[in-house]
């Protein structure tokens, strides 16, 4: 099974972002696993979609998780891309340099894959979607 650590990875990424001091200065506590009913104002971070593929081999079980973290701002934020890109850089630093412990499996590595910056809505909002790749080892195959 290759999705055993999906919830563990999501929880660990969320915790790493919520507790990162540099990101906190930029977005406060506006880091969301599930977006609130009312759209938040200002710059905020949201966990996004995830794709998982089996990465097991003859040495053991494993999975490759490609997941998206987005930094967004609404039309009321007149800072253009500067604030969103600063927060995106803080997200990358928090995930690449932070300690991310899983309660299921072992995080063998976590890498930044790419990003896309764009305007949203009527062009006044900003968004950066970053894709990360995590390789998780899940232990030995059953004999």
C-alpha atoms as a PDB file:
ATOM      1  CA  UNK A   1       0.000   0.000   0.000  1.00  0.00           C
ATOM      2  CA  UNK A   2       1.449   3.316  -0.993  1.00  0.00           C
ATOM      3  CA  UNK A   3      -0.934   5.752   0.712  1.00  0.00           C
ATOM      4  CA  UNK A   4      -0.269   4.719   4.298  1.00  0.00           C
ATOM      5  CA  UNK A   5       1.560   7.966   5.156  1.00  0.00           C
ATOM      6  CA  UNK A   6      -0.744  10.419   3.337  1.00  0.00           C
ATOM      7  CA  UNK A   7      -2.385  11.802   6.475  1.00  0.00           C
ATOM      8  CA  UNK A   8       0.909  11.797   8.382  1.00  0.00           C
ATOM      9  CA  UNK A   9       2.629  13.852   5.678  1.00  0.00           C
ATOM     10  CA  UNK A  10      -0.248  16.321   5.463  1.00  0.00           C
ATOM     11  CA  UNK A  11      -0.259  16.824   9.235  1.00  0.00           C
ATOM     12  CA  UNK A  12       3.506  17.235   9.397  1.00  0.00           C
ATOM     13  CA  UNK A  13       3.578  19.774   6.543  1.00  0.00           C
ATOM     14  CA  UNK A  14       0.752  21.746   8.150  1.00  0.00           C
ATOM     15  CA  UNK A  15       2.527  21.760  11.529  1.00  0.00           C
ATOM     16  CA  UNK A  16       5.848  22.801   9.963  1.00  0.00           C
ATOM     17  CA  UNK A  17       4.186  25.753   8.218  1.00  0.00           C
ATOM     18  CA  UNK A  18       2.067  26.816  11.223  1.00  0.00           C
ATOM     19  CA  UNK A  19       5.088  26.868  13.529  1.00  0.00           C
ATOM     20  CA  UNK A  20       7.659  28.459  11.213  1.00  0.00           C
ATOM     21  CA  UNK A  21       8.640  31.849  12.669  1.00  0.00           C
ATOM     22  CA  UNK A  22       9.586  33.456   9.344  1.00  0.00           C
ATOM     23  CA  UNK A  23       6.305  32.471   7.702  1.00  0.00           C
ATOM     24  CA  UNK A  24       4.378  33.577  10.789  1.00  0.00           C
ATOM     25  CA  UNK A  25       5.784  37.098  10.451  1.00  0.00           C
ATOM     26  CA  UNK A  26       4.463  37.226   6.872  1.00  0.00           C
ATOM     27  CA  UNK A  27       1.027  35.579   7.200  1.00  0.00           C
ATOM     28  CA  UNK A  28       0.345  35.323  10.934  1.00  0.00           C
ATOM     29  CA  UNK A  29      -1.709  32.221  11.647  1.00  0.00           C
ATOM     30  CA  UNK A  30      -3.294  32.225   8.164  1.00  0.00           C
ATOM     31  CA  UNK A  31      -2.159  28.721   7.218  1.00  0.00           C
ATOM     32  CA  UNK A  32      -5.080  26.494   6.260  1.00  0.00           C
ATOM     33  CA  UNK A  33      -5.515  22.787   5.723  1.00  0.00           C
ATOM     34  CA  UNK A  34      -9.173  23.429   4.897  1.00  0.00           C
ATOM     35  CA  UNK A  35     -10.171  26.906   3.774  1.00  0.00           C
ATOM     36  CA  UNK A  36     -12.650  28.719   6.040  1.00  0.00           C
ATOM     37  CA  UNK A  37     -16.167  29.392   4.770  1.00  0.00           C
ATOM     38  CA  UNK A  38     -15.412  33.114   4.503  1.00  0.00           C
ATOM     39  CA  UNK A  39     -12.343  33.802   2.373  1.00  0.00           C
ATOM     40  CA  UNK A  40      -9.516  35.188   4.506  1.00  0.00           C
ATOM     41  CA  UNK A  41      -8.186  38.663   3.817  1.00  0.00           C
ATOM     42  CA  UNK A  42      -4.525  39.369   3.256  1.00  0.00           C
ATOM     43  CA  UNK A  43      -1.852  36.893   2.305  1.00  0.00           C
ATOM     44  CA  UNK A  44      -2.515  33.312   3.365  1.00  0.00           C
ATOM     45  CA  UNK A  45      -1.261  29.765   2.788  1.00  0.00           C
ATOM     46  CA  UNK A  46      -3.363  26.744   1.840  1.00  0.00           C
ATOM     47  CA  UNK A  47      -2.494  23.086   1.457  1.00  0.00           C
ATOM     48  CA  UNK A  48      -3.653  21.810  -1.900  1.00  0.00           C
ATOM     49  CA  UNK A  49      -3.912  18.701  -4.036  1.00  0.00           C
ATOM     50  CA  UNK A  50      -1.669  15.679  -3.718  1.00  0.00           C
ATOM     51  CA  UNK A  51      -0.727  12.871  -6.087  1.00  0.00           C
ATOM     52  CA  UNK A  52       0.820   9.698  -4.747  1.00  0.00           C
ATOM     53  CA  UNK A  53       2.626   6.905  -6.550  1.00  0.00           C
ATOM     54  CA  UNK A  54       4.029   3.684  -5.245  1.00  0.00           C
ATOM     55  CA  UNK A  55       7.788   3.883  -4.815  1.00  0.00           C
ATOM     56  CA  UNK A  56       8.463   0.537  -3.228  1.00  0.00           C
ATOM     57  CA  UNK A  57      11.285  -1.657  -4.398  1.00  0.00           C
ATOM     58  CA  UNK A  58      12.935  -4.920  -3.396  1.00  0.00           C
ATOM     59  CA  UNK A  59      14.239  -3.341  -0.158  1.00  0.00           C
ATOM     60  CA  UNK A  60      10.852  -2.186   1.147  1.00  0.00           C
ATOM     61  CA  UNK A  61       7.612  -0.314   0.708  1.00  0.00           C
ATOM     62  CA  UNK A  62       7.541   3.380  -0.123  1.00  0.00           C
ATOM     63  CA  UNK A  63       5.619   6.187  -1.759  1.00  0.00           C
ATOM     64  CA  UNK A  64       6.292   9.360  -3.712  1.00  0.00           C
ATOM     65  CA  UNK A  65       3.968  12.213  -2.762  1.00  0.00           C
ATOM     66  CA  UNK A  66       3.730  15.257  -5.024  1.00  0.00           C
ATOM     67  CA  UNK A  67       1.747  17.927  -3.204  1.00  0.00           C
ATOM     68  CA  UNK A  68       0.870  21.579  -3.705  1.00  0.00           C
ATOM     69  CA  UNK A  69       1.105  24.425  -1.226  1.00  0.00           C
ATOM     70  CA  UNK A  70      -0.446  27.699  -2.375  1.00  0.00           C
ATOM     71  CA  UNK A  71       0.135  31.255  -1.208  1.00  0.00           C
ATOM     72  CA  UNK A  72      -2.742  33.574  -2.066  1.00  0.00           C
ATOM     73  CA  UNK A  73      -3.820  37.165  -1.632  1.00  0.00           C
ATOM     74  CA  UNK A  74      -7.169  38.752  -2.295  1.00  0.00           C
ATOM     75  CA  UNK A  75      -8.031  41.850  -4.260  1.00  0.00           C
ATOM     76  CA  UNK A  76      -7.859  43.950  -1.074  1.00  0.00           C
ATOM     77  CA  UNK A  77      -4.120  43.291  -0.782  1.00  0.00           C
ATOM     78  CA  UNK A  78      -2.525  46.072  -2.828  1.00  0.00           C
ATOM     79  CA  UNK A  79       1.016  44.710  -2.462  1.00  0.00           C
ATOM     80  CA  UNK A  80       1.059  42.980  -5.832  1.00  0.00           C
ATOM     81  CA  UNK A  81       3.215  39.875  -6.067  1.00  0.00           C
ATOM     82  CA  UNK A  82       5.835  41.023  -3.516  1.00  0.00           C
ATOM     83  CA  UNK A  83       4.027  39.806  -0.386  1.00  0.00           C
ATOM     84  CA  UNK A  84       2.898  36.553  -1.994  1.00  0.00           C
ATOM     85  CA  UNK A  85       6.356  35.746  -3.311  1.00  0.00           C
ATOM     86  CA  UNK A  86       7.984  36.547   0.049  1.00  0.00           C
ATOM     87  CA  UNK A  87       5.579  34.157   1.770  1.00  0.00           C
ATOM     88  CA  UNK A  88       6.196  31.527  -0.938  1.00  0.00           C
ATOM     89  CA  UNK A  89       9.944  31.753  -0.306  1.00  0.00           C
ATOM     90  CA  UNK A  90       9.281  31.279   3.420  1.00  0.00           C
ATOM     91  CA  UNK A  91       7.168  28.184   2.681  1.00  0.00           C
ATOM     92  CA  UNK A  92      10.000  26.680   0.624  1.00  0.00           C
ATOM     93  CA  UNK A  93      12.533  27.413   3.378  1.00  0.00           C
ATOM     94  CA  UNK A  94      10.267  25.962   6.073  1.00  0.00           C
ATOM     95  CA  UNK A  95       9.723  22.722   4.189  1.00  0.00           C
ATOM     96  CA  UNK A  96      13.234  22.237   2.824  1.00  0.00           C
ATOM     97  CA  UNK A  97      15.096  23.253   5.976  1.00  0.00           C
ATOM     98  CA  UNK A  98      12.649  22.289   8.710  1.00  0.00           C
ATOM     99  CA  UNK A  99      12.438  19.113  10.697  1.00  0.00           C
ATOM    100  CA  UNK A 100       9.412  17.201   9.456  1.00  0.00           C
ATOM    101  CA  UNK A 101       8.677  14.126  11.497  1.00  0.00           C
ATOM    102  CA  UNK A 102       6.046  11.610  10.470  1.00  0.00           C
ATOM    103  CA  UNK A 103       4.050   9.356  12.759  1.00  0.00           C
ATOM    104  CA  UNK A 104       3.754   6.839   9.894  1.00  0.00           C
ATOM    105  CA  UNK A 105       6.763   6.019   7.745  1.00  0.00           C
ATOM    106  CA  UNK A 106      10.072   7.812   7.425  1.00  0.00           C
ATOM    107  CA  UNK A 107      10.572  10.943   5.338  1.00  0.00           C
ATOM    108  CA  UNK A 108      13.568  10.047   3.172  1.00  0.00           C
ATOM    109  CA  UNK A 109      13.583  13.419   1.411  1.00  0.00           C
ATOM    110  CA  UNK A 110      11.522  16.464   0.527  1.00  0.00           C
ATOM    111  CA  UNK A 111      12.235  18.646  -2.508  1.00  0.00           C
ATOM    112  CA  UNK A 112      10.850  21.735  -4.193  1.00  0.00           C
ATOM    113  CA  UNK A 113       9.756  20.740  -7.717  1.00  0.00           C
ATOM    114  CA  UNK A 114       8.407  23.960  -9.199  1.00  0.00           C
ATOM    115  CA  UNK A 115       6.075  26.930  -8.872  1.00  0.00           C
ATOM    116  CA  UNK A 116       3.581  28.933 -10.879  1.00  0.00           C
ATOM    117  CA  UNK A 117       2.758  32.579 -10.061  1.00  0.00           C
ATOM    118  CA  UNK A 118      -0.339  34.175 -11.537  1.00  0.00           C
ATOM    119  CA  UNK A 119      -3.109  36.722 -11.090  1.00  0.00           C
ATOM    120  CA  UNK A 120      -6.495  35.475  -9.905  1.00  0.00           C
ATOM    121  CA  UNK A 121     -10.087  36.589 -10.157  1.00  0.00           C
ATOM    122  CA  UNK A 122     -10.354  39.914 -11.922  1.00  0.00           C
ATOM    123  CA  UNK A 123      -6.576  40.300 -11.903  1.00  0.00           C
ATOM    124  CA  UNK A 124      -6.305  41.999  -8.518  1.00  0.00           C
ATOM    125  CA  UNK A 125      -5.536  38.860  -6.503  1.00  0.00           C
ATOM    126  CA  UNK A 126      -2.237  36.974  -6.599  1.00  0.00           C
ATOM    127  CA  UNK A 127      -1.405  33.280  -6.265  1.00  0.00           C
ATOM    128  CA  UNK A 128       1.731  31.150  -6.187  1.00  0.00           C
ATOM    129  CA  UNK A 129       1.246  27.369  -6.389  1.00  0.00           C
ATOM    130  CA  UNK A 130       4.331  25.407  -5.365  1.00  0.00           C
ATOM    131  CA  UNK A 131       4.774  21.694  -5.962  1.00  0.00           C
ATOM    132  CA  UNK A 132       6.890  19.634  -3.585  1.00  0.00           C
ATOM    133  CA  UNK A 133       7.924  15.998  -3.739  1.00  0.00           C
ATOM    134  CA  UNK A 134       8.281  13.829  -0.655  1.00  0.00           C
ATOM    135  CA  UNK A 135       9.758  10.335  -0.661  1.00  0.00           C
ATOM    136  CA  UNK A 136       8.500   8.243   2.226  1.00  0.00           C
ATOM    137  CA  UNK A 137       9.867   4.864   3.249  1.00  0.00           C
ATOM    138  CA  UNK A 138       7.222   2.611   4.758  1.00  0.00           C
ATOM    139  CA  UNK A 139       9.270  -0.334   5.975  1.00  0.00           C
ATOM    140  CA  UNK A 140      10.041  -3.827   4.845  1.00  0.00           C
ATOM    141  CA  UNK A 141       7.800  -5.970   2.675  1.00  0.00           C
ATOM    142  CA  UNK A 142       5.937  -8.689   4.517  1.00  0.00           C
ATOM    143  CA  UNK A 143       7.575 -12.090   4.161  1.00  0.00           C
END
